C-alpha cells in the first residue's frame, strides 16, 4: 500500500481524500473510521491490525485537536 501526503490531501493507492471530506458529527466519523479500518484490516494479521488500530487512535486524537 502506497501513501503520500500533500498539503491537506492524502492519497493512497490512487484514492484521494481531503481533510474537508471528514464529517463533523461523531456518528458519521465513527462510520468513516469503521470503513477505513475494514479496508485497511482485510487480510491482515493480528499484529498488523493492532498497528492499524493504534494509527486510528492517533488519527482520532489529531481530528479532535485540529477539526473540533
N, C-alpha and C. Protein backbone atom coordinates (compact mmCIF):
# COMPACT_ATOMS: atom_id res chain seq x y z
N UNK A 1 0.84 -1.16 0.00
CA UNK A 1 0.00 0.00 0.00
C UNK A 1 0.89 1.23 0.00
N UNK A 2 0.70 2.10 -0.96
CA UNK A 2 1.49 3.32 -1.02
C UNK A 2 0.64 4.49 -0.58
N UNK A 3 1.29 5.43 0.10
CA UNK A 3 0.56 6.58 0.61
C UNK A 3 1.46 7.80 0.54
N UNK A 4 0.88 8.93 0.15
CA UNK A 4 1.63 10.18 0.18
C UNK A 4 0.71 11.29 0.65
N UNK A 5 1.31 12.31 1.25
CA UNK A 5 0.54 13.43 1.77
C UNK A 5 1.03 14.70 1.10
N UNK A 6 0.11 15.52 0.67
CA UNK A 6 0.45 16.78 0.04
C UNK A 6 -0.52 17.84 0.54
N UNK A 7 -0.04 18.77 1.36
CA UNK A 7 -0.92 19.80 1.90
C UNK A 7 -2.01 19.17 2.74
N UNK A 8 -3.26 19.44 2.39
CA UNK A 8 -4.39 18.88 3.11
C UNK A 8 -4.94 17.64 2.46
N UNK A 9 -4.20 17.08 1.50
CA UNK A 9 -4.68 15.91 0.78
C UNK A 9 -3.90 14.67 1.18
N UNK A 10 -4.58 13.55 1.20
CA UNK A 10 -3.94 12.26 1.44
C UNK A 10 -4.29 11.37 0.27
N UNK A 11 -3.27 10.78 -0.36
CA UNK A 11 -3.53 9.89 -1.48
C UNK A 11 -2.92 8.53 -1.17
N UNK A 12 -3.72 7.48 -1.30
CA UNK A 12 -3.28 6.13 -1.00
C UNK A 12 -3.81 5.19 -2.06
N UNK A 13 -2.90 4.54 -2.79
CA UNK A 13 -3.28 3.60 -3.84
C UNK A 13 -4.29 4.19 -4.82
N UNK A 14 -4.07 5.43 -5.22
CA UNK A 14 -4.93 6.05 -6.23
C UNK A 14 -6.22 6.64 -5.69
N UNK A 15 -6.47 6.55 -4.39
CA UNK A 15 -7.67 7.12 -3.80
C UNK A 15 -7.26 8.36 -3.03
N UNK A 16 -7.88 9.49 -3.35
CA UNK A 16 -7.50 10.74 -2.72
C UNK A 16 -8.62 11.23 -1.81
N UNK A 17 -8.24 11.74 -0.64
CA UNK A 17 -9.21 12.32 0.29
C UNK A 17 -8.65 13.63 0.82
N UNK A 18 -9.51 14.58 1.06
CA UNK A 18 -9.08 15.83 1.66
C UNK A 18 -9.63 15.90 3.07
N UNK A 19 -8.99 16.71 3.90
CA UNK A 19 -9.46 16.83 5.28
C UNK A 19 -10.88 17.38 5.33
N UNK A 20 -11.28 18.14 4.32
CA UNK A 20 -12.62 18.72 4.32
C UNK A 20 -13.71 17.66 4.14
N UNK A 21 -13.35 16.45 3.68
CA UNK A 21 -14.36 15.41 3.49
C UNK A 21 -14.62 14.62 4.77
N UNK A 22 -13.89 14.91 5.84
CA UNK A 22 -14.13 14.22 7.11
C UNK A 22 -15.37 14.82 7.75
N UNK A 23 -16.37 14.00 8.05
CA UNK A 23 -17.62 14.53 8.61
C UNK A 23 -17.42 15.15 9.99
N UNK A 24 -18.28 16.10 10.32
CA UNK A 24 -18.13 16.80 11.59
C UNK A 24 -18.89 16.14 12.74
N UNK A 25 -19.93 15.36 12.44
CA UNK A 25 -20.68 14.75 13.53
C UNK A 25 -20.05 13.41 13.94
N UNK A 26 -20.08 13.10 15.24
CA UNK A 26 -19.40 11.90 15.75
C UNK A 26 -19.88 10.58 15.15
N UNK A 27 -21.17 10.45 14.88
CA UNK A 27 -21.68 9.21 14.31
C UNK A 27 -21.09 8.97 12.92
N UNK A 28 -21.08 9.99 12.09
CA UNK A 28 -20.50 9.85 10.75
C UNK A 28 -19.00 9.61 10.81
N UNK A 29 -18.32 10.23 11.77
CA UNK A 29 -16.89 9.98 11.94
C UNK A 29 -16.65 8.52 12.31
N UNK A 30 -17.53 7.96 13.15
CA UNK A 30 -17.40 6.57 13.56
C UNK A 30 -17.61 5.64 12.37
N UNK A 31 -18.60 5.95 11.54
CA UNK A 31 -18.85 5.15 10.34
C UNK A 31 -17.66 5.22 9.40
N UNK A 32 -17.12 6.42 9.20
CA UNK A 32 -15.95 6.59 8.34
C UNK A 32 -14.76 5.80 8.88
N UNK A 33 -14.54 5.87 10.19
CA UNK A 33 -13.43 5.12 10.80
C UNK A 33 -13.62 3.62 10.61
N UNK A 34 -14.85 3.15 10.71
CA UNK A 34 -15.12 1.72 10.52
C UNK A 34 -14.83 1.28 9.10
N UNK A 35 -15.22 2.10 8.13
CA UNK A 35 -14.96 1.78 6.73
C UNK A 35 -13.46 1.77 6.45
N UNK A 36 -12.76 2.77 6.98
CA UNK A 36 -11.31 2.83 6.78
C UNK A 36 -10.64 1.63 7.44
N UNK A 37 -11.05 1.31 8.67
CA UNK A 37 -10.46 0.17 9.38
C UNK A 37 -10.71 -1.12 8.63
N UNK A 38 -11.92 -1.30 8.10
CA UNK A 38 -12.24 -2.51 7.35
C UNK A 38 -11.36 -2.64 6.11
N UNK A 39 -11.18 -1.53 5.39
CA UNK A 39 -10.37 -1.60 4.18
C UNK A 39 -8.89 -1.82 4.49
N UNK A 40 -8.40 -1.25 5.60
CA UNK A 40 -7.01 -1.44 5.98
C UNK A 40 -6.75 -2.83 6.55
N UNK A 41 -7.72 -3.41 7.26
CA UNK A 41 -7.51 -4.65 8.01
C UNK A 41 -7.82 -5.92 7.23
N UNK A 42 -8.50 -5.82 6.13
CA UNK A 42 -8.89 -7.02 5.38
C UNK A 42 -7.64 -7.79 4.96
N UNK A 43 -7.55 -9.05 5.39
CA UNK A 43 -6.44 -9.91 5.02
C UNK A 43 -5.17 -9.69 5.82
N UNK A 44 -5.24 -8.95 6.92
CA UNK A 44 -4.06 -8.65 7.72
C UNK A 44 -3.98 -9.56 8.94
N UNK A 45 -2.77 -9.69 9.49
CA UNK A 45 -2.56 -10.48 10.71
C UNK A 45 -3.00 -9.67 11.93
N UNK A 46 -3.07 -10.31 13.08
CA UNK A 46 -3.47 -9.63 14.32
C UNK A 46 -2.52 -8.49 14.66
N UNK A 47 -1.23 -8.69 14.46
CA UNK A 47 -0.25 -7.64 14.75
C UNK A 47 -0.44 -6.44 13.83
N UNK A 48 -0.70 -6.71 12.56
CA UNK A 48 -0.93 -5.61 11.61
C UNK A 48 -2.21 -4.86 11.96
N UNK A 49 -3.24 -5.58 12.39
CA UNK A 49 -4.50 -4.94 12.79
C UNK A 49 -4.28 -4.07 14.02
N UNK A 50 -3.47 -4.54 14.97
CA UNK A 50 -3.16 -3.75 16.16
C UNK A 50 -2.47 -2.45 15.77
N UNK A 51 -1.57 -2.51 14.79
CA UNK A 51 -0.90 -1.30 14.31
C UNK A 51 -1.90 -0.34 13.68
N UNK A 52 -2.85 -0.87 12.91
CA UNK A 52 -3.87 -0.03 12.28
C UNK A 52 -4.73 0.63 13.35
N UNK A 53 -5.13 -0.12 14.37
CA UNK A 53 -5.94 0.45 15.44
C UNK A 53 -5.19 1.55 16.18
N UNK A 54 -3.90 1.36 16.39
CA UNK A 54 -3.10 2.40 17.03
C UNK A 54 -3.05 3.64 16.14
N UNK A 55 -2.89 3.45 14.84
CA UNK A 55 -2.89 4.56 13.90
C UNK A 55 -4.22 5.31 13.94
N UNK A 56 -5.34 4.56 13.96
CA UNK A 56 -6.65 5.20 14.00
C UNK A 56 -6.86 5.97 15.30
N UNK A 57 -6.31 5.46 16.40
CA UNK A 57 -6.41 6.17 17.67
C UNK A 57 -5.65 7.50 17.59
N UNK A 58 -4.48 7.48 17.01
CA UNK A 58 -3.70 8.71 16.83
C UNK A 58 -4.43 9.66 15.91
N UNK A 59 -4.99 9.14 14.81
CA UNK A 59 -5.74 9.96 13.87
C UNK A 59 -6.94 10.60 14.55
N UNK A 60 -7.62 9.85 15.40
CA UNK A 60 -8.78 10.37 16.14
C UNK A 60 -8.36 11.53 17.04
N UNK A 61 -7.24 11.38 17.72
CA UNK A 61 -6.74 12.47 18.58
C UNK A 61 -6.42 13.70 17.76
N UNK A 62 -5.80 13.50 16.60
CA UNK A 62 -5.48 14.63 15.73
C UNK A 62 -6.75 15.31 15.24
N UNK A 63 -7.76 14.52 14.88
CA UNK A 63 -9.02 15.09 14.42
C UNK A 63 -9.65 15.93 15.52
N UNK A 64 -9.62 15.43 16.75
CA UNK A 64 -10.20 16.18 17.87
C UNK A 64 -9.46 17.49 18.09
N UNK A 65 -8.13 17.45 17.98
CA UNK A 65 -7.32 18.64 18.24
C UNK A 65 -7.42 19.68 17.14
N UNK A 66 -7.53 19.25 15.89
CA UNK A 66 -7.46 20.19 14.78
C UNK A 66 -8.78 20.47 14.09
N UNK A 67 -9.77 19.62 14.24
CA UNK A 67 -11.01 19.81 13.49
C UNK A 67 -12.20 20.20 14.36
N UNK A 68 -12.09 20.02 15.66
CA UNK A 68 -13.24 20.34 16.52
C UNK A 68 -12.92 21.57 17.33
